[in-house]
Amino acid sequence: LLFDMTTHPLTNNNIKQRLIKKVQEAVLDKWVNDPHRMDKRL
């Protein structure tokens, strides 16, 4: 309406889905119950 804005829609859904899956698995299927056994970056 009052202004134009530069936006950045998603174009590669595979990368985002891999990211989401990585986060989900860290606290579900691959949960280790010890932060020091987890990858530091994750």
PDB file of all heavy atoms in Angstrom:
ATOM      1  N   LEU A   1       0.808  -1.220   0.000  1.00  0.00           N
ATOM      2  CA  LEU A   1       0.000   0.000   0.000  1.00  0.00           C
ATOM      3  C   LEU A   1       0.843   1.272   0.000  1.00  0.00           C
ATOM      4  O   LEU A   1       0.908   1.990  -0.983  1.00  0.00           O
ATOM      5  CB  LEU A   1      -0.980   0.000   1.186  1.00  0.00           C
ATOM      6  CG  LEU A   1      -2.047  -1.098   1.173  1.00  0.00           C
ATOM      7  CD1 LEU A   1      -2.934  -1.014   2.396  1.00  0.00           C
ATOM      8  CD2 LEU A   1      -2.889  -1.033  -0.096  1.00  0.00           C
ATOM      9  N   LEU A   2       1.490   1.551   1.128  1.00  0.00           N
ATOM     10  CA  LEU A   2       2.225   2.809   1.263  1.00  0.00           C
ATOM     11  C   LEU A   2       3.679   2.707   0.828  1.00  0.00           C
ATOM     12  O   LEU A   2       4.338   3.725   0.657  1.00  0.00           O
ATOM     13  CB  LEU A   2       2.164   3.310   2.715  1.00  0.00           C
ATOM     14  CG  LEU A   2       0.759   3.586   3.251  1.00  0.00           C
ATOM     15  CD1 LEU A   2       0.834   4.016   4.711  1.00  0.00           C
ATOM     16  CD2 LEU A   2       0.077   4.675   2.422  1.00  0.00           C
ATOM     17  N   PHE A   3       4.177   1.515   0.667  1.00  0.00           N
ATOM     18  CA  PHE A   3       5.592   1.382   0.326  1.00  0.00           C
ATOM     19  C   PHE A   3       5.846   0.047  -0.371  1.00  0.00           C
ATOM     20  O   PHE A   3       5.056  -0.892  -0.277  1.00  0.00           O
ATOM     21  CB  PHE A   3       6.459   1.467   1.592  1.00  0.00           C
ATOM     22  CG  PHE A   3       6.172   0.401   2.607  1.00  0.00           C
ATOM     23  CD1 PHE A   3       6.895  -0.788   2.616  1.00  0.00           C
ATOM     24  CD2 PHE A   3       5.169   0.570   3.566  1.00  0.00           C
ATOM     25  CE1 PHE A   3       6.645  -1.779   3.541  1.00  0.00           C
ATOM     26  CE2 PHE A   3       4.896  -0.420   4.492  1.00  0.00           C
ATOM     27  CZ  PHE A   3       5.640  -1.591   4.487  1.00  0.00           C
ATOM     28  N   ASP A   4       6.956   0.008  -1.099  1.00  0.00           N
ATOM     29  CA  ASP A   4       7.420  -1.232  -1.718  1.00  0.00           C
ATOM     30  C   ASP A   4       8.484  -1.856  -0.824  1.00  0.00           C
ATOM     31  O   ASP A   4       9.270  -1.148  -0.199  1.00  0.00           O
ATOM     32  CB  ASP A   4       8.023  -0.967  -3.101  1.00  0.00           C
ATOM     33  CG  ASP A   4       6.960  -0.578  -4.111  1.00  0.00           C
ATOM     34  OD1 ASP A   4       5.801  -0.985  -3.921  1.00  0.00           O
ATOM     35  OD2 ASP A   4       7.294   0.147  -5.075  1.00  0.00           O
ATOM     36  N   MET A   5       8.503  -3.183  -0.762  1.00  0.00           N
ATOM     37  CA  MET A   5       9.483  -3.868   0.076  1.00  0.00           C
ATOM     38  C   MET A   5      10.115  -5.009  -0.712  1.00  0.00           C
ATOM     39  O   MET A   5       9.431  -5.744  -1.428  1.00  0.00           O
ATOM     40  CB  MET A   5       8.833  -4.420   1.343  1.00  0.00           C
ATOM     41  CG  MET A   5       9.826  -5.001   2.344  1.00  0.00           C
ATOM     42  SD  MET A   5       9.055  -5.455   3.905  1.00  0.00           S
ATOM     43  CE  MET A   5       8.458  -7.094   3.534  1.00  0.00           C
ATOM     44  N   THR A   6      11.433  -5.123  -0.576  1.00  0.00           N
ATOM     45  CA  THR A   6      12.135  -6.245  -1.187  1.00  0.00           C
ATOM     46  C   THR A   6      11.903  -7.483  -0.334  1.00  0.00           C
ATOM     47  O   THR A   6      12.123  -7.461   0.878  1.00  0.00           O
ATOM     48  CB  THR A   6      13.640  -5.962  -1.288  1.00  0.00           C
ATOM     49  OG1 THR A   6      13.844  -4.784  -2.072  1.00  0.00           O
ATOM     50  CG2 THR A   6      14.370  -7.115  -1.942  1.00  0.00           C
ATOM     51  N   THR A   7      11.455  -8.552  -0.957  1.00  0.00           N
ATOM     52  CA  THR A   7      11.218  -9.806  -0.234  1.00  0.00           C
ATOM     53  C   THR A   7      12.072 -10.911  -0.857  1.00  0.00           C
ATOM     54  O   THR A   7      12.572 -10.774  -1.968  1.00  0.00           O
ATOM     55  CB  THR A   7       9.735 -10.205  -0.280  1.00  0.00           C
ATOM     56  OG1 THR A   7       9.348 -10.398  -1.654  1.00  0.00           O
ATOM     57  CG2 THR A   7       8.865  -9.125   0.345  1.00  0.00           C
ATOM     58  N   HIS A   8      12.196 -12.000  -0.114  1.00  0.00           N
ATOM     59  CA  HIS A   8      13.046 -13.102  -0.574  1.00  0.00           C
ATOM     60  C   HIS A   8      12.319 -14.435  -0.365  1.00  0.00           C
ATOM     61  O   HIS A   8      12.601 -15.159   0.590  1.00  0.00           O
ATOM     62  CB  HIS A   8      14.376 -13.086   0.183  1.00  0.00           C
ATOM     63  CG  HIS A   8      15.161 -11.832  -0.031  1.00  0.00           C
ATOM     64  ND1 HIS A   8      15.876 -11.587  -1.174  1.00  0.00           N
ATOM     65  CD2 HIS A   8      15.305 -10.736   0.745  1.00  0.00           C
ATOM     66  CE1 HIS A   8      16.459 -10.404  -1.087  1.00  0.00           C
ATOM     67  NE2 HIS A   8      16.128  -9.868   0.061  1.00  0.00           N
ATOM     68  N   PRO A   9      11.382 -14.764  -1.269  1.00  0.00           N
ATOM     69  CA  PRO A   9      10.664 -16.043  -1.155  1.00  0.00           C
ATOM     70  C   PRO A   9      11.599 -17.241  -1.341  1.00  0.00           C
ATOM     71  O   PRO A   9      12.647 -17.139  -1.979  1.00  0.00           O
ATOM     72  CB  PRO A   9       9.642 -15.975  -2.302  1.00  0.00           C
ATOM     73  CG  PRO A   9       9.551 -14.525  -2.665  1.00  0.00           C
ATOM     74  CD  PRO A   9      10.901 -13.949  -2.392  1.00  0.00           C
ATOM     75  N   LEU A  10      11.161 -18.364  -0.784  1.00  0.00           N
ATOM     76  CA  LEU A  10      11.947 -19.597  -0.876  1.00  0.00           C
ATOM     77  C   LEU A  10      11.903 -20.142  -2.298  1.00  0.00           C
ATOM     78  O   LEU A  10      10.848 -20.199  -2.930  1.00  0.00           O
ATOM     79  CB  LEU A  10      11.365 -20.631   0.095  1.00  0.00           C
ATOM     80  CG  LEU A  10      12.125 -21.949   0.252  1.00  0.00           C
ATOM     81  CD1 LEU A  10      13.464 -21.715   0.925  1.00  0.00           C
ATOM     82  CD2 LEU A  10      11.296 -22.936   1.066  1.00  0.00           C
ATOM     83  N   THR A  11      13.072 -20.521  -2.813  1.00  0.00           N
ATOM     84  CA  THR A  11      13.124 -21.101  -4.155  1.00  0.00           C
ATOM     85  C   THR A  11      13.654 -22.532  -4.141  1.00  0.00           C
ATOM     86  O   THR A  11      13.381 -23.303  -5.037  1.00  0.00           O
ATOM     87  CB  THR A  11      14.002 -20.234  -5.086  1.00  0.00           C
ATOM     88  OG1 THR A  11      13.905 -20.750  -6.414  1.00  0.00           O
ATOM     89  CG2 THR A  11      15.462 -20.247  -4.668  1.00  0.00           C
ATOM     90  N   ASN A  12      14.421 -22.885  -3.097  1.00  0.00           N
ATOM     91  CA  ASN A  12      14.939 -24.251  -2.975  1.00  0.00           C
ATOM     92  C   ASN A  12      14.382 -24.855  -1.693  1.00  0.00           C
ATOM     93  O   ASN A  12      14.970 -24.725  -0.615  1.00  0.00           O
ATOM     94  CB  ASN A  12      16.472 -24.242  -2.953  1.00  0.00           C
ATOM     95  CG  ASN A  12      17.053 -25.644  -3.046  1.00  0.00           C
ATOM     96  OD1 ASN A  12      16.432 -26.620  -2.631  1.00  0.00           O
ATOM     97  ND2 ASN A  12      18.256 -25.753  -3.580  1.00  0.00           N
ATOM     98  N   ASN A  13      13.248 -25.525  -1.824  1.00  0.00           N
ATOM     99  CA  ASN A  13      12.574 -26.077  -0.652  1.00  0.00           C
ATOM    100  C   ASN A  13      13.341 -27.243  -0.040  1.00  0.00           C
ATOM    101  O   ASN A  13      13.219 -27.503   1.161  1.00  0.00           O
ATOM    102  CB  ASN A  13      11.163 -26.529  -1.021  1.00  0.00           C
ATOM    103  CG  ASN A  13      10.338 -26.873   0.200  1.00  0.00           C
ATOM    104  OD1 ASN A  13      10.242 -26.086   1.136  1.00  0.00           O
ATOM    105  ND2 ASN A  13       9.749 -28.056   0.212  1.00  0.00           N
ATOM    106  N   ASN A  14      14.153 -27.940  -0.842  1.00  0.00           N
ATOM    107  CA  ASN A  14      14.885 -29.097  -0.328  1.00  0.00           C
ATOM    108  C   ASN A  14      15.832 -28.713   0.803  1.00  0.00           C
ATOM    109  O   ASN A  14      15.939 -29.420   1.807  1.00  0.00           O
ATOM    110  CB  ASN A  14      15.678 -29.765  -1.455  1.00  0.00           C
ATOM    111  CG  ASN A  14      14.772 -30.463  -2.453  1.00  0.00           C
ATOM    112  OD1 ASN A  14      13.645 -30.828  -2.127  1.00  0.00           O
ATOM    113  ND2 ASN A  14      15.257 -30.630  -3.680  1.00  0.00           N
ATOM    114  N   ILE A  15      16.521 -27.589   0.643  1.00  0.00           N
ATOM    115  CA  ILE A  15      17.478 -27.161   1.664  1.00  0.00           C
ATOM    116  C   ILE A  15      16.757 -26.831   2.962  1.00  0.00           C
ATOM    117  O   ILE A  15      17.195 -27.211   4.050  1.00  0.00           O
ATOM    118  CB  ILE A  15      18.300 -25.956   1.159  1.00  0.00           C
ATOM    119  CG1 ILE A  15      19.231 -26.407   0.030  1.00  0.00           C
ATOM    120  CG2 ILE A  15      19.101 -25.327   2.293  1.00  0.00           C
ATOM    121  CD1 ILE A  15      20.089 -25.313  -0.547  1.00  0.00           C
ATOM    122  N   LYS A  16      15.621 -26.130   2.877  1.00  0.00           N
ATOM    123  CA  LYS A  16      14.887 -25.801   4.101  1.00  0.00           C
ATOM    124  C   LYS A  16      14.315 -27.052   4.749  1.00  0.00           C
ATOM    125  O   LYS A  16      14.334 -27.184   5.979  1.00  0.00           O
ATOM    126  CB  LYS A  16      13.779 -24.796   3.804  1.00  0.00           C
ATOM    127  CG  LYS A  16      13.031 -24.357   5.074  1.00  0.00           C
ATOM    128  CD  LYS A  16      12.250 -23.092   4.912  1.00  0.00           C
ATOM    129  CE  LYS A  16      11.655 -22.640   6.232  1.00  0.00           C
ATOM    130  NZ  LYS A  16      10.932 -21.364   6.130  1.00  0.00           N
ATOM    131  N   GLN A  17      13.820 -27.968   3.948  1.00  0.00           N
ATOM    132  CA  GLN A  17      13.268 -29.198   4.514  1.00  0.00           C
ATOM    133  C   GLN A  17      14.353 -30.033   5.200  1.00  0.00           C
ATOM    134  O   GLN A  17      14.108 -30.633   6.246  1.00  0.00           O
ATOM    135  CB  GLN A  17      12.581 -30.023   3.427  1.00  0.00           C
ATOM    136  CG  GLN A  17      11.279 -29.411   2.935  1.00  0.00           C
ATOM    137  CD  GLN A  17      10.300 -29.104   4.060  1.00  0.00           C
ATOM    138  OE1 GLN A  17      10.037 -29.941   4.920  1.00  0.00           O
ATOM    139  NE2 GLN A  17       9.786 -27.886   4.064  1.00  0.00           N
ATOM    140  N   ARG A  18      15.550 -30.039   4.642  1.00  0.00           N
ATOM    141  CA  ARG A  18      16.657 -30.745   5.294  1.00  0.00           C
ATOM    142  C   ARG A  18      17.001 -30.082   6.621  1.00  0.00           C
ATOM    143  O   ARG A  18      17.305 -30.758   7.608  1.00  0.00           O
ATOM    144  CB  ARG A  18      17.887 -30.772   4.386  1.00  0.00           C
ATOM    145  CG  ARG A  18      17.819 -31.805   3.291  1.00  0.00           C
ATOM    146  CD  ARG A  18      19.198 -32.166   2.754  1.00  0.00           C
ATOM    147  NE  ARG A  18      19.863 -31.010   2.172  1.00  0.00           N
ATOM    148  CZ  ARG A  18      19.797 -30.686   0.891  1.00  0.00           C
ATOM    149  NH1 ARG A  18      19.061 -31.406   0.061  1.00  0.00           N
ATOM    150  NH2 ARG A  18      20.461 -29.650   0.418  1.00  0.00           N
ATOM    151  N   LEU A  19      16.965 -28.756   6.644  1.00  0.00           N
ATOM    152  CA  LEU A  19      17.235 -28.019   7.880  1.00  0.00           C
ATOM    153  C   LEU A  19      16.189 -28.339   8.943  1.00  0.00           C
ATOM    154  O   LEU A  19      16.518 -28.622  10.107  1.00  0.00           O
ATOM    155  CB  LEU A  19      17.260 -26.517   7.585  1.00  0.00           C
ATOM    156  CG  LEU A  19      17.385 -25.575   8.783  1.00  0.00           C
ATOM    157  CD1 LEU A  19      18.695 -25.816   9.528  1.00  0.00           C
ATOM    158  CD2 LEU A  19      17.288 -24.116   8.321  1.00  0.00           C
ATOM    159  N   ILE A  20      14.925 -28.318   8.544  1.00  0.00           N
ATOM    160  CA  ILE A  20      13.833 -28.621   9.478  1.00  0.00           C
ATOM    161  C   ILE A  20      13.954 -30.054   9.994  1.00  0.00           C
ATOM    162  O   ILE A  20      13.794 -30.313  11.200  1.00  0.00           O
ATOM    163  CB  ILE A  20      12.465 -28.395   8.796  1.00  0.00           C
ATOM    164  CG1 ILE A  20      12.230 -26.889   8.595  1.00  0.00           C
ATOM    165  CG2 ILE A  20      11.333 -29.010   9.606  1.00  0.00           C
ATOM    166  CD1 ILE A  20      10.988 -26.567   7.789  1.00  0.00           C
ATOM    167  N   LYS A  21      14.242 -30.972   9.083  1.00  0.00           N
ATOM    168  CA  LYS A  21      14.387 -32.381   9.484  1.00  0.00           C
ATOM    169  C   LYS A  21      15.539 -32.551  10.465  1.00  0.00           C
ATOM    170  O   LYS A  21      15.439 -33.312  11.438  1.00  0.00           O
ATOM    171  CB  LYS A  21      14.617 -33.241   8.244  1.00  0.00           C
ATOM    172  CG  LYS A  21      14.721 -34.734   8.547  1.00  0.00           C
ATOM    173  CD  LYS A  21      14.967 -35.541   7.282  1.00  0.00           C
ATOM    174  CE  LYS A  21      15.098 -37.025   7.601  1.00  0.00           C
ATOM    175  NZ  LYS A  21      15.401 -37.824   6.395  1.00  0.00           N
ATOM    176  N   LYS A  22      16.637 -31.833  10.229  1.00  0.00           N
ATOM    177  CA  LYS A  22      17.799 -31.921  11.121  1.00  0.00           C
ATOM    178  C   LYS A  22      17.440 -31.466  12.536  1.00  0.00           C
ATOM    179  O   LYS A  22      17.822 -32.116  13.526  1.00  0.00           O
ATOM    180  CB  LYS A  22      18.937 -31.054  10.561  1.00  0.00           C
ATOM    181  CG  LYS A  22      20.179 -31.024  11.418  1.00  0.00           C
ATOM    182  CD  LYS A  22      21.319 -30.301  10.718  1.00  0.00           C
ATOM    183  CE  LYS A  22      21.082 -28.810  10.645  1.00  0.00           C
ATOM    184  NZ  LYS A  22      22.280 -28.077  10.144  1.00  0.00           N
ATOM    185  N   VAL A  23      16.699 -30.380  12.637  1.00  0.00           N
ATOM    186  CA  VAL A  23      16.291 -29.865  13.954  1.00  0.00           C
ATOM    187  C   VAL A  23      15.317 -30.831  14.630  1.00  0.00           C
ATOM    188  O   VAL A  23      15.437 -31.125  15.825  1.00  0.00           O
ATOM    189  CB  VAL A  23      15.653 -28.467  13.807  1.00  0.00           C
ATOM    190  CG1 VAL A  23      15.091 -27.996  15.148  1.00  0.00           C
ATOM    191  CG2 VAL A  23      16.675 -27.455  13.295  1.00  0.00           C
ATOM    192  N   GLN A  24      14.356 -31.327  13.860  1.00  0.00           N
ATOM    193  CA  GLN A  24      13.378 -32.265  14.421  1.00  0.00           C
ATOM    194  C   GLN A  24      14.053 -33.532  14.934  1.00  0.00           C
ATOM    195  O   GLN A  24      13.765 -33.993  16.049  1.00  0.00           O
ATOM    196  CB  GLN A  24      12.325 -32.620  13.367  1.00  0.00           C
ATOM    197  CG  GLN A  24      11.395 -31.483  12.994  1.00  0.00           C
ATOM    198  CD  GLN A  24      10.449 -31.864  11.868  1.00  0.00           C
ATOM    199  OE1 GLN A  24      10.594 -32.915  11.242  1.00  0.00           O
ATOM    200  NE2 GLN A  24       9.479 -31.007  11.594  1.00  0.00           N
ATOM    201  N   GLU A  25      14.935 -34.109  14.122  1.00  0.00           N
ATOM    202  CA  GLU A  25      15.578 -35.359  14.510  1.00  0.00           C
ATOM    203  C   GLU A  25      16.459 -35.189  15.743  1.00  0.00           C
ATOM    204  O   GLU A  25      16.610 -36.123  16.537  1.00  0.00           O
ATOM    205  CB  GLU A  25      16.422 -35.892  13.350  1.00  0.00           C
ATOM    206  CG  GLU A  25      15.595 -36.457  12.218  1.00  0.00           C
ATOM    207  CD  GLU A  25      16.450 -37.028  11.101  1.00  0.00           C
ATOM    208  OE1 GLU A  25      17.653 -36.672  11.019  1.00  0.00           O
ATOM    209  OE2 GLU A  25      15.926 -37.834  10.307  1.00  0.00           O
ATOM    210  N   ALA A  26      17.026 -33.993  15.922  1.00  0.00           N
ATOM    211  CA  ALA A  26      17.915 -33.770  17.066  1.00  0.00           C
ATOM    212  C   ALA A  26      17.184 -33.940  18.390  1.00  0.00           C
ATOM    213  O   ALA A  26      17.792 -34.333  19.394  1.00  0.00           O
ATOM    214  CB  ALA A  26      18.525 -32.375  16.986  1.00  0.00           C
ATOM    215  N   VAL A  27      15.875 -33.658  18.399  1.00  0.00           N
ATOM    216  CA  VAL A  27      15.114 -33.771  19.652  1.00  0.00           C
ATOM    217  C   VAL A  27      14.092 -34.912  19.602  1.00  0.00           C
ATOM    218  O   VAL A  27      13.311 -35.071  20.550  1.00  0.00           O
ATOM    219  CB  VAL A  27      14.399 -32.442  19.990  1.00  0.00           C
ATOM    220  CG1 VAL A  27      15.411 -31.373  20.337  1.00  0.00           C
ATOM    221  CG2 VAL A  27      13.511 -31.972  18.837  1.00  0.00           C
ATOM    222  N   LEU A  28      14.123 -35.697  18.531  1.00  0.00           N
ATOM    223  CA  LEU A  28      13.212 -36.842  18.436  1.00  0.00           C
ATOM    224  C   LEU A  28      13.997 -38.123  18.171  1.00  0.00           C
ATOM    225  O   LEU A  28      14.514 -38.732  19.100  1.00  0.00           O
ATOM    226  CB  LEU A  28      12.165 -36.593  17.331  1.00  0.00           C
ATOM    227  CG  LEU A  28      11.135 -35.481  17.637  1.00  0.00           C
ATOM    228  CD1 LEU A  28      10.275 -35.186  16.435  1.00  0.00           C
ATOM    229  CD2 LEU A  28      10.274 -35.862  18.842  1.00  0.00           C
ATOM    230  N   ASP A  29      14.132 -38.521  16.934  1.00  0.00           N
ATOM    231  CA  ASP A  29      14.745 -39.813  16.603  1.00  0.00           C
ATOM    232  C   ASP A  29      16.204 -39.920  17.029  1.00  0.00           C
ATOM    233  O   ASP A  29      16.678 -41.000  17.386  1.00  0.00           O
ATOM    234  CB  ASP A  29      14.655 -40.070  15.094  1.00  0.00           C
ATOM    235  CG  ASP A  29      13.213 -40.163  14.623  1.00  0.00           C
ATOM    236  OD1 ASP A  29      12.334 -40.347  15.473  1.00  0.00           O
ATOM    237  OD2 ASP A  29      12.972 -40.036  13.407  1.00  0.00           O
ATOM    238  N   LYS A  30      16.944 -38.816  16.980  1.00  0.00           N
ATOM    239  CA  LYS A  30      18.374 -38.859  17.291  1.00  0.00           C
ATOM    240  C   LYS A  30      18.689 -38.186  18.633  1.00  0.00           C
ATOM    241  O   LYS A  30      19.815 -37.763  18.870  1.00  0.00           O
ATOM    242  CB  LYS A  30      19.177 -38.192  16.165  1.00  0.00           C
ATOM    243  CG  LYS A  30      19.051 -38.927  14.839  1.00  0.00           C
ATOM    244  CD  LYS A  30      19.894 -38.278  13.748  1.00  0.00           C
ATOM    245  CE  LYS A  30      19.760 -39.033  12.436  1.00  0.00           C
ATOM    246  NZ  LYS A  30      20.566 -38.414  11.342  1.00  0.00           N
ATOM    247  N   TRP A  31      17.711 -38.106  19.497  1.00  0.00           N
ATOM    248  CA  TRP A  31      17.899 -37.485  20.820  1.00  0.00           C
ATOM    249  C   TRP A  31      18.876 -38.313  21.648  1.00  0.00           C
ATOM    250  O   TRP A  31      18.721 -39.532  21.772  1.00  0.00           O
ATOM    251  CB  TRP A  31      16.559 -37.383  21.532  1.00  0.00           C
ATOM    252  CG  TRP A  31      16.613 -36.899  22.950  1.00  0.00           C
ATOM    253  CD1 TRP A  31      16.333 -37.617  24.071  1.00  0.00           C
ATOM    254  CD2 TRP A  31      16.946 -35.580  23.399  1.00  0.00           C
ATOM    255  NE1 TRP A  31      16.459 -36.842  25.198  1.00  0.00           N
ATOM    256  CE2 TRP A  31      16.847 -35.572  24.811  1.00  0.00           C
ATOM    257  CE3 TRP A  31      17.322 -34.407  22.749  1.00  0.00           C
ATOM    258  CZ2 TRP A  31      17.104 -34.447  25.580  1.00  0.00           C
ATOM    259  CZ3 TRP A  31      17.581 -33.281  23.513  1.00  0.00           C
ATOM    260  CH2 TRP A  31      17.475 -33.306  24.905  1.00  0.00           C
ATOM    261  N   VAL A  32      19.905 -37.664  22.215  1.00  0.00           N
ATOM    262  CA  VAL A  32      20.932 -38.383  22.977  1.00  0.00           C
ATOM    263  C   VAL A  32      20.887 -38.061  24.466  1.00  0.00           C
ATOM    264  O   VAL A  32      21.637 -38.644  25.253  1.00  0.00           O
ATOM    265  CB  VAL A  32      22.338 -38.066  22.419  1.00  0.00           C
ATOM    266  CG1 VAL A  32      22.496 -38.634  21.030  1.00  0.00           C
ATOM    267  CG2 VAL A  32      22.611 -36.561  22.425  1.00  0.00           C
ATOM    268  N   ASN A  33      20.036 -37.124  24.855  1.00  0.00           N
ATOM    269  CA  ASN A  33      19.839 -36.794  26.274  1.00  0.00           C
ATOM    270  C   ASN A  33      21.123 -36.323  26.959  1.00  0.00           C
ATOM    271  O   ASN A  33      21.296 -36.502  28.157  1.00  0.00           O
ATOM    272  CB  ASN A  33      19.254 -37.995  27.031  1.00  0.00           C
ATOM    273  CG  ASN A  33      18.583 -37.572  28.329  1.00  0.00           C
ATOM    274  OD1 ASN A  33      18.071 -36.456  28.433  1.00  0.00           O
ATOM    275  ND2 ASN A  33      18.588 -38.447  29.322  1.00  0.00           N
ATOM    276  N   ASP A  34      22.024 -35.765  26.187  1.00  0.00           N
ATOM    277  CA  ASP A  34      23.267 -35.223  26.734  1.00  0.00           C
ATOM    278  C   ASP A  34      23.792 -34.176  25.760  1.00  0.00           C
ATOM    279  O   ASP A  34      24.214 -34.516  24.647  1.00  0.00           O
ATOM    280  CB  ASP A  34      24.301 -36.339  26.911  1.00  0.00           C
ATOM    281  CG  ASP A  34      25.622 -35.816  27.473  1.00  0.00           C
ATOM    282  OD1 ASP A  34      25.749 -34.598  27.707  1.00  0.00           O
ATOM    283  OD2 ASP A  34      26.544 -36.641  27.665  1.00  0.00           O
ATOM    284  N   PRO A  35      23.768 -32.895  26.146  1.00  0.00           N
ATOM    285  CA  PRO A  35      24.187 -31.836  25.208  1.00  0.00           C
ATOM    286  C   PRO A  35      25.626 -31.980  24.740  1.00  0.00           C
ATOM    287  O   PRO A  35      25.974 -31.514  23.657  1.00  0.00           O
ATOM    288  CB  PRO A  35      23.985 -30.546  26.017  1.00  0.00           C
ATOM    289  CG  PRO A  35      24.012 -30.977  27.445  1.00  0.00           C
ATOM    290  CD  PRO A  35      23.400 -32.342  27.462  1.00  0.00           C
ATOM    291  N   HIS A  36      26.459 -32.650  25.525  1.00  0.00           N
ATOM    292  CA  HIS A  36      27.877 -32.768  25.168  1.00  0.00           C
ATOM    293  C   HIS A  36      28.132 -33.891  24.164  1.00  0.00           C
ATOM    294  O   HIS A  36      29.239 -34.017  23.655  1.00  0.00           O
ATOM    295  CB  HIS A  36      28.710 -32.957  26.433  1.00  0.00           C
ATOM    296  CG  HIS A  36      28.540 -31.820  27.393  1.00  0.00           C
ATOM    297  ND1 HIS A  36      29.115 -30.590  27.200  1.00  0.00           N
ATOM    298  CD2 HIS A  36      27.812 -31.718  28.534  1.00  0.00           C
ATOM    299  CE1 HIS A  36      28.758 -29.773  28.184  1.00  0.00           C
ATOM    300  NE2 HIS A  36      27.961 -30.437  29.008  1.00  0.00           N
ATOM    301  N   ARG A  37      27.101 -34.679  23.896  1.00  0.00           N
ATOM    302  CA  ARG A  37      27.209 -35.688  22.836  1.00  0.00           C
ATOM    303  C   ARG A  37      26.566 -35.197  21.548  1.00  0.00           C
ATOM    304  O   ARG A  37      26.630 -35.867  20.527  1.00  0.00           O
ATOM    305  CB  ARG A  37      26.549 -36.989  23.291  1.00  0.00           C
ATOM    306  CG  ARG A  37      27.304 -37.708  24.411  1.00  0.00           C
ATOM    307  CD  ARG A  37      26.485 -38.858  24.968  1.00  0.00           C
ATOM    308  NE  ARG A  37      26.095 -39.800  23.922  1.00  0.00           N
ATOM    309  CZ  ARG A  37      25.086 -40.668  24.036  1.00  0.00           C
ATOM    310  NH1 ARG A  37      24.355 -40.691  25.156  1.00  0.00           N
ATOM    311  NH2 ARG A  37      24.798 -41.488  23.056  1.00  0.00           N
ATOM    312  N   MET A  38      25.959 -34.020  21.609  1.00  0.00           N
ATOM    313  CA  MET A  38      25.354 -33.428  20.415  1.00  0.00           C
ATOM    314  C   MET A  38      26.400 -32.627  19.652  1.00  0.00           C
ATOM    315  O   MET A  38      27.372 -32.130  20.226  1.00  0.00           O
ATOM    316  CB  MET A  38      24.194 -32.497  20.805  1.00  0.00           C
ATOM    317  CG  MET A  38      23.004 -33.187  21.409  1.00  0.00           C
ATOM    318  SD  MET A  38      21.692 -32.022  21.884  1.00  0.00           S
ATOM    319  CE  MET A  38      21.155 -31.434  20.274  1.00  0.00           C
ATOM    320  N   ASP A  39      26.200 -32.504  18.356  1.00  0.00           N
ATOM    321  CA  ASP A  39      27.046 -31.631  17.545  1.00  0.00           C
ATOM    322  C   ASP A  39      26.896 -30.198  18.066  1.00  0.00           C
ATOM    323  O   ASP A  39      25.773 -29.722  18.277  1.00  0.00           O
ATOM    324  CB  ASP A  39      26.610 -31.717  16.085  1.00  0.00           C
ATOM    325  CG  ASP A  39      27.357 -30.743  15.203  1.00  0.00           C
ATOM    326  OD1 ASP A  39      28.554 -30.967  14.949  1.00  0.00           O
ATOM    327  OD2 ASP A  39      26.736 -29.744  14.775  1.00  0.00           O
ATOM    328  N   LYS A  40      28.007 -29.519  18.288  1.00  0.00           N
ATOM    329  CA  LYS A  40      27.968 -28.173  18.879  1.00  0.00           C
ATOM    330  C   LYS A  40      27.170 -27.194  18.029  1.00  0.00           C
ATOM    331  O   LYS A  40      26.425 -26.359  18.548  1.00  0.00           O
ATOM    332  CB  LYS A  40      29.387 -27.645  19.102  1.00  0.00           C
ATOM    333  CG  LYS A  40      30.188 -28.370  20.166  1.00  0.00           C
ATOM    334  CD  LYS A  40      31.538 -27.703  20.379  1.00  0.00           C
ATOM    335  CE  LYS A  40      32.358 -28.406  21.472  1.00  0.00           C
ATOM    336  NZ  LYS A  40      32.764 -29.762  21.048  1.00  0.00           N
ATOM    337  N   ARG A  41      27.340 -27.289  16.725  1.00  0.00           N
ATOM    338  CA  ARG A  41      26.622 -26.382  15.830  1.00  0.00           C
ATOM    339  C   ARG A  41      25.114 -26.618  15.893  1.00  0.00           C
ATOM    340  O   ARG A  41      24.326 -25.666  15.908  1.00  0.00           O
ATOM    341  CB  ARG A  41      27.143 -26.559  14.405  1.00  0.00           C
ATOM    342  CG  ARG A  41      26.562 -25.621  13.381  1.00  0.00           C
ATOM    343  CD  ARG A  41      27.237 -25.824  12.025  1.00  0.00           C
ATOM    344  NE  ARG A  41      28.618 -25.396  12.089  1.00  0.00           N
ATOM    345  CZ  ARG A  41      29.002 -24.131  11.906  1.00  0.00           C
ATOM    346  NH1 ARG A  41      28.100 -23.213  11.641  1.00  0.00           N
ATOM    347  NH2 ARG A  41      30.277 -23.810  11.975  1.00  0.00           N
ATOM    348  N   LEU A  42      24.713 -27.881  15.962  1.00  0.00           N
ATOM    349  CA  LEU A  42      23.298 -28.210  16.043  1.00  0.00           C
ATOM    350  C   LEU A  42      22.717 -27.795  17.392  1.00  0.00           C
ATOM    351  O   LEU A  42      21.596 -27.281  17.479  1.00  0.00           O
ATOM    352  CB  LEU A  42      23.101 -29.706  15.811  1.00  0.00           C
ATOM    353  CG  LEU A  42      21.669 -30.236  15.809  1.00  0.00           C
ATOM    354  CD1 LEU A  42      20.803 -29.460  14.817  1.00  0.00           C
ATOM    355  CD2 LEU A  42      21.654 -31.722  15.478  1.00  0.00           C
TER     356      LEU A  42
END
